[in-house]
Amino acid sequence: MKKIVLVFLVLAMVACGEDEEVKQIELNTEFELNAGDTAVLSSQGISIIVENIADSRCPSNVQCVWEGEAKVQFRLAASQGTTMADSLSTHDRLTAIVNGLSIQLLGVTPYPNGENNGRSRAARMIITQD
C-alpha cells in the first residue's frame, strides 16, 4: 500500500510542475537540487522539494563587511500525505533533523563572483539516518 501511495505522490508532483525534474536519491549519497526540483527517497517513503534558494553571500572578488549566506527552503512530503516545511543556511543552520533523518546542506553552487549573480543556484545535500 505504501508503494502505491508513493507512486501516486510522485506522479502528482510530476503533473504539477511543467519542467520539474524528479530525481531518485538514496540515503548517504550526495545530490543536487535547483529551486523547484524534487527528489524521492523511496526507501523512507519521502520526497524533498526545494522551494527556494536565496543567495546573499559576498562575491569572491569583492570585500564585504559580512560574508552573507545562502538559504535553502525545502518541503518534505511523506507517502502518507503529511508535509513539513523547513530551511537550511550556510551561515547558521547546516543540518535539520526530521523524523530520524538528518538533512544536511553541503553547499550552494555556483559561489557568487560578480559575474554569475543571475545564474540559478543548486543546493548540494545529503540525507542520513540520525
Protein backbone atom coordinates (compact mmCIF):
# COMPACT_ATOMS: atom_id res chain seq x y z
CA MET A 1 0.00 0.00 0.00
CA LYS A 2 2.85 2.40 0.86
CA LYS A 3 4.37 1.88 -2.59
CA ILE A 4 1.08 2.70 -4.30
CA VAL A 5 0.73 5.91 -2.28
CA LEU A 6 4.37 6.84 -3.03
CA VAL A 7 3.90 6.24 -6.75
CA PHE A 8 0.73 8.37 -6.68
CA LEU A 9 2.58 11.14 -4.80
CA VAL A 10 5.43 11.17 -7.31
CA LEU A 11 3.03 11.20 -10.27
CA ALA A 12 1.05 14.05 -8.71
CA MET A 13 4.22 16.10 -8.21
CA VAL A 14 5.32 15.47 -11.80
CA ALA A 15 1.92 16.53 -13.10
CA CYS A 16 2.00 19.77 -11.08
CA GLY A 17 5.30 21.07 -12.46
CA GLU A 18 5.93 21.53 -16.16
CA ASP A 19 9.74 21.45 -16.04
CA GLU A 20 10.04 19.84 -12.62
CA GLU A 21 12.58 17.04 -12.54
CA VAL A 22 12.04 14.17 -10.10
CA LYS A 23 15.29 12.52 -9.06
CA GLN A 24 15.67 9.22 -7.25
CA ILE A 25 18.07 9.55 -4.30
CA GLU A 26 19.44 7.20 -1.65
CA LEU A 27 20.49 7.60 1.96
CA ASN A 28 24.13 8.62 2.49
CA THR A 29 24.52 9.79 -1.12
CA GLU A 30 25.07 13.44 -2.09
CA PHE A 31 22.60 15.02 -4.51
CA GLU A 32 21.95 18.43 -6.07
CA LEU A 33 18.61 20.16 -6.50
CA ASN A 34 17.72 23.51 -8.04
CA ALA A 35 14.80 25.57 -6.82
CA GLY A 36 11.63 23.79 -7.92
CA ASP A 37 13.29 20.35 -8.14
CA THR A 38 12.00 17.25 -6.36
CA ALA A 39 13.90 14.19 -5.18
CA VAL A 40 12.33 10.94 -3.96
CA LEU A 41 13.91 8.86 -1.21
CA SER A 42 11.78 5.77 -1.77
CA SER A 43 13.43 3.68 0.96
CA GLN A 44 11.97 6.13 3.50
CA GLY A 45 8.75 6.98 1.64
CA ILE A 46 9.52 10.72 1.44
CA SER A 47 10.13 13.39 -1.17
CA ILE A 48 12.17 16.55 -0.71
CA ILE A 49 11.16 19.60 -2.73
CA VAL A 50 13.45 22.63 -2.86
CA GLU A 51 11.11 25.63 -2.80
CA ASN A 52 13.66 28.45 -2.99
CA ILE A 53 17.38 29.18 -2.86
CA ALA A 54 18.26 32.72 -1.72
CA ASP A 55 21.92 33.68 -2.01
CA SER A 56 23.28 36.82 -0.36
CA ARG A 57 26.89 35.59 0.01
CA CYS A 58 29.63 38.11 -0.63
CA PRO A 59 31.04 37.62 -4.16
CA SER A 60 34.53 36.09 -4.18
CA ASN A 61 36.03 39.12 -5.95
CA VAL A 62 34.60 41.71 -3.53
CA GLN A 63 35.46 42.68 0.06
CA CYS A 64 32.36 42.75 2.24
CA VAL A 65 31.63 43.62 5.86
CA TRP A 66 29.65 40.38 6.25
CA GLU A 67 30.17 37.07 4.43
CA GLY A 68 26.43 36.70 3.76
CA GLU A 69 24.58 33.41 3.49
CA ALA A 70 22.81 31.07 1.14
CA LYS A 71 19.44 29.85 2.42
CA VAL A 72 17.60 26.82 1.07
CA GLN A 73 13.88 26.50 1.77
CA PHE A 74 12.54 22.99 1.31
CA ARG A 75 9.49 20.87 1.94
CA LEU A 76 9.36 17.20 2.91
CA ALA A 77 6.36 15.18 1.76
CA ALA A 78 5.70 11.75 3.27
CA SER A 79 3.95 8.96 1.39
CA GLN A 80 1.02 9.16 3.81
CA GLY A 81 0.36 12.76 2.72
CA THR A 82 1.94 14.78 5.54
CA THR A 83 4.22 17.67 4.61
CA MET A 84 6.65 19.81 6.57
CA ALA A 85 8.50 22.97 5.54
CA ASP A 86 11.96 23.86 6.83
CA SER A 87 15.10 25.71 5.76
CA LEU A 88 18.87 25.35 5.93
CA SER A 89 21.52 28.05 5.84
CA THR A 90 25.24 28.19 5.09
CA HIS A 91 25.55 30.69 7.96
CA ASP A 92 23.86 29.15 10.98
CA ARG A 93 21.88 26.00 10.16
CA LEU A 94 23.55 23.37 8.02
CA THR A 95 21.54 20.42 9.38
CA ALA A 96 17.88 19.69 10.13
CA ILE A 97 16.73 16.56 11.97
CA VAL A 98 13.29 15.32 10.91
CA ASN A 99 11.72 12.02 11.97
CA GLY A 100 15.06 10.31 12.49
CA LEU A 101 16.58 11.66 9.26
CA SER A 102 19.40 14.18 9.14
CA ILE A 103 19.13 16.56 6.16
CA GLN A 104 22.40 18.39 5.64
CA LEU A 105 23.26 21.29 3.36
CA LEU A 106 26.74 20.66 1.92
CA GLY A 107 26.86 23.83 -0.15
CA VAL A 108 25.21 26.05 -2.72
CA THR A 109 26.76 26.41 -6.17
CA PRO A 110 27.94 28.34 -8.01
CA TYR A 111 29.60 30.64 -5.48
CA PRO A 112 28.86 34.29 -6.41
CA ASN A 113 31.71 36.11 -8.16
CA GLY A 114 30.02 39.22 -9.54
CA GLU A 115 29.65 37.67 -13.00
CA ASN A 116 27.25 34.84 -12.19
CA ASN A 117 24.80 36.69 -9.95
CA GLY A 118 21.86 35.99 -12.25
CA ARG A 119 22.54 32.24 -12.59
CA SER A 120 20.31 29.78 -10.83
CA ARG A 121 21.74 28.13 -7.76
CA ALA A 122 21.84 24.44 -6.84
CA ALA A 123 21.79 23.05 -3.30
CA ARG A 124 24.16 20.14 -2.62
CA MET A 125 22.63 17.99 0.11
CA ILE A 126 22.79 14.60 1.78
CA ILE A 127 20.24 12.70 3.86
CA THR A 128 21.38 10.21 6.50
CA GLN A 129 19.77 8.22 9.31
CA ASP A 130 20.09 10.15 12.56
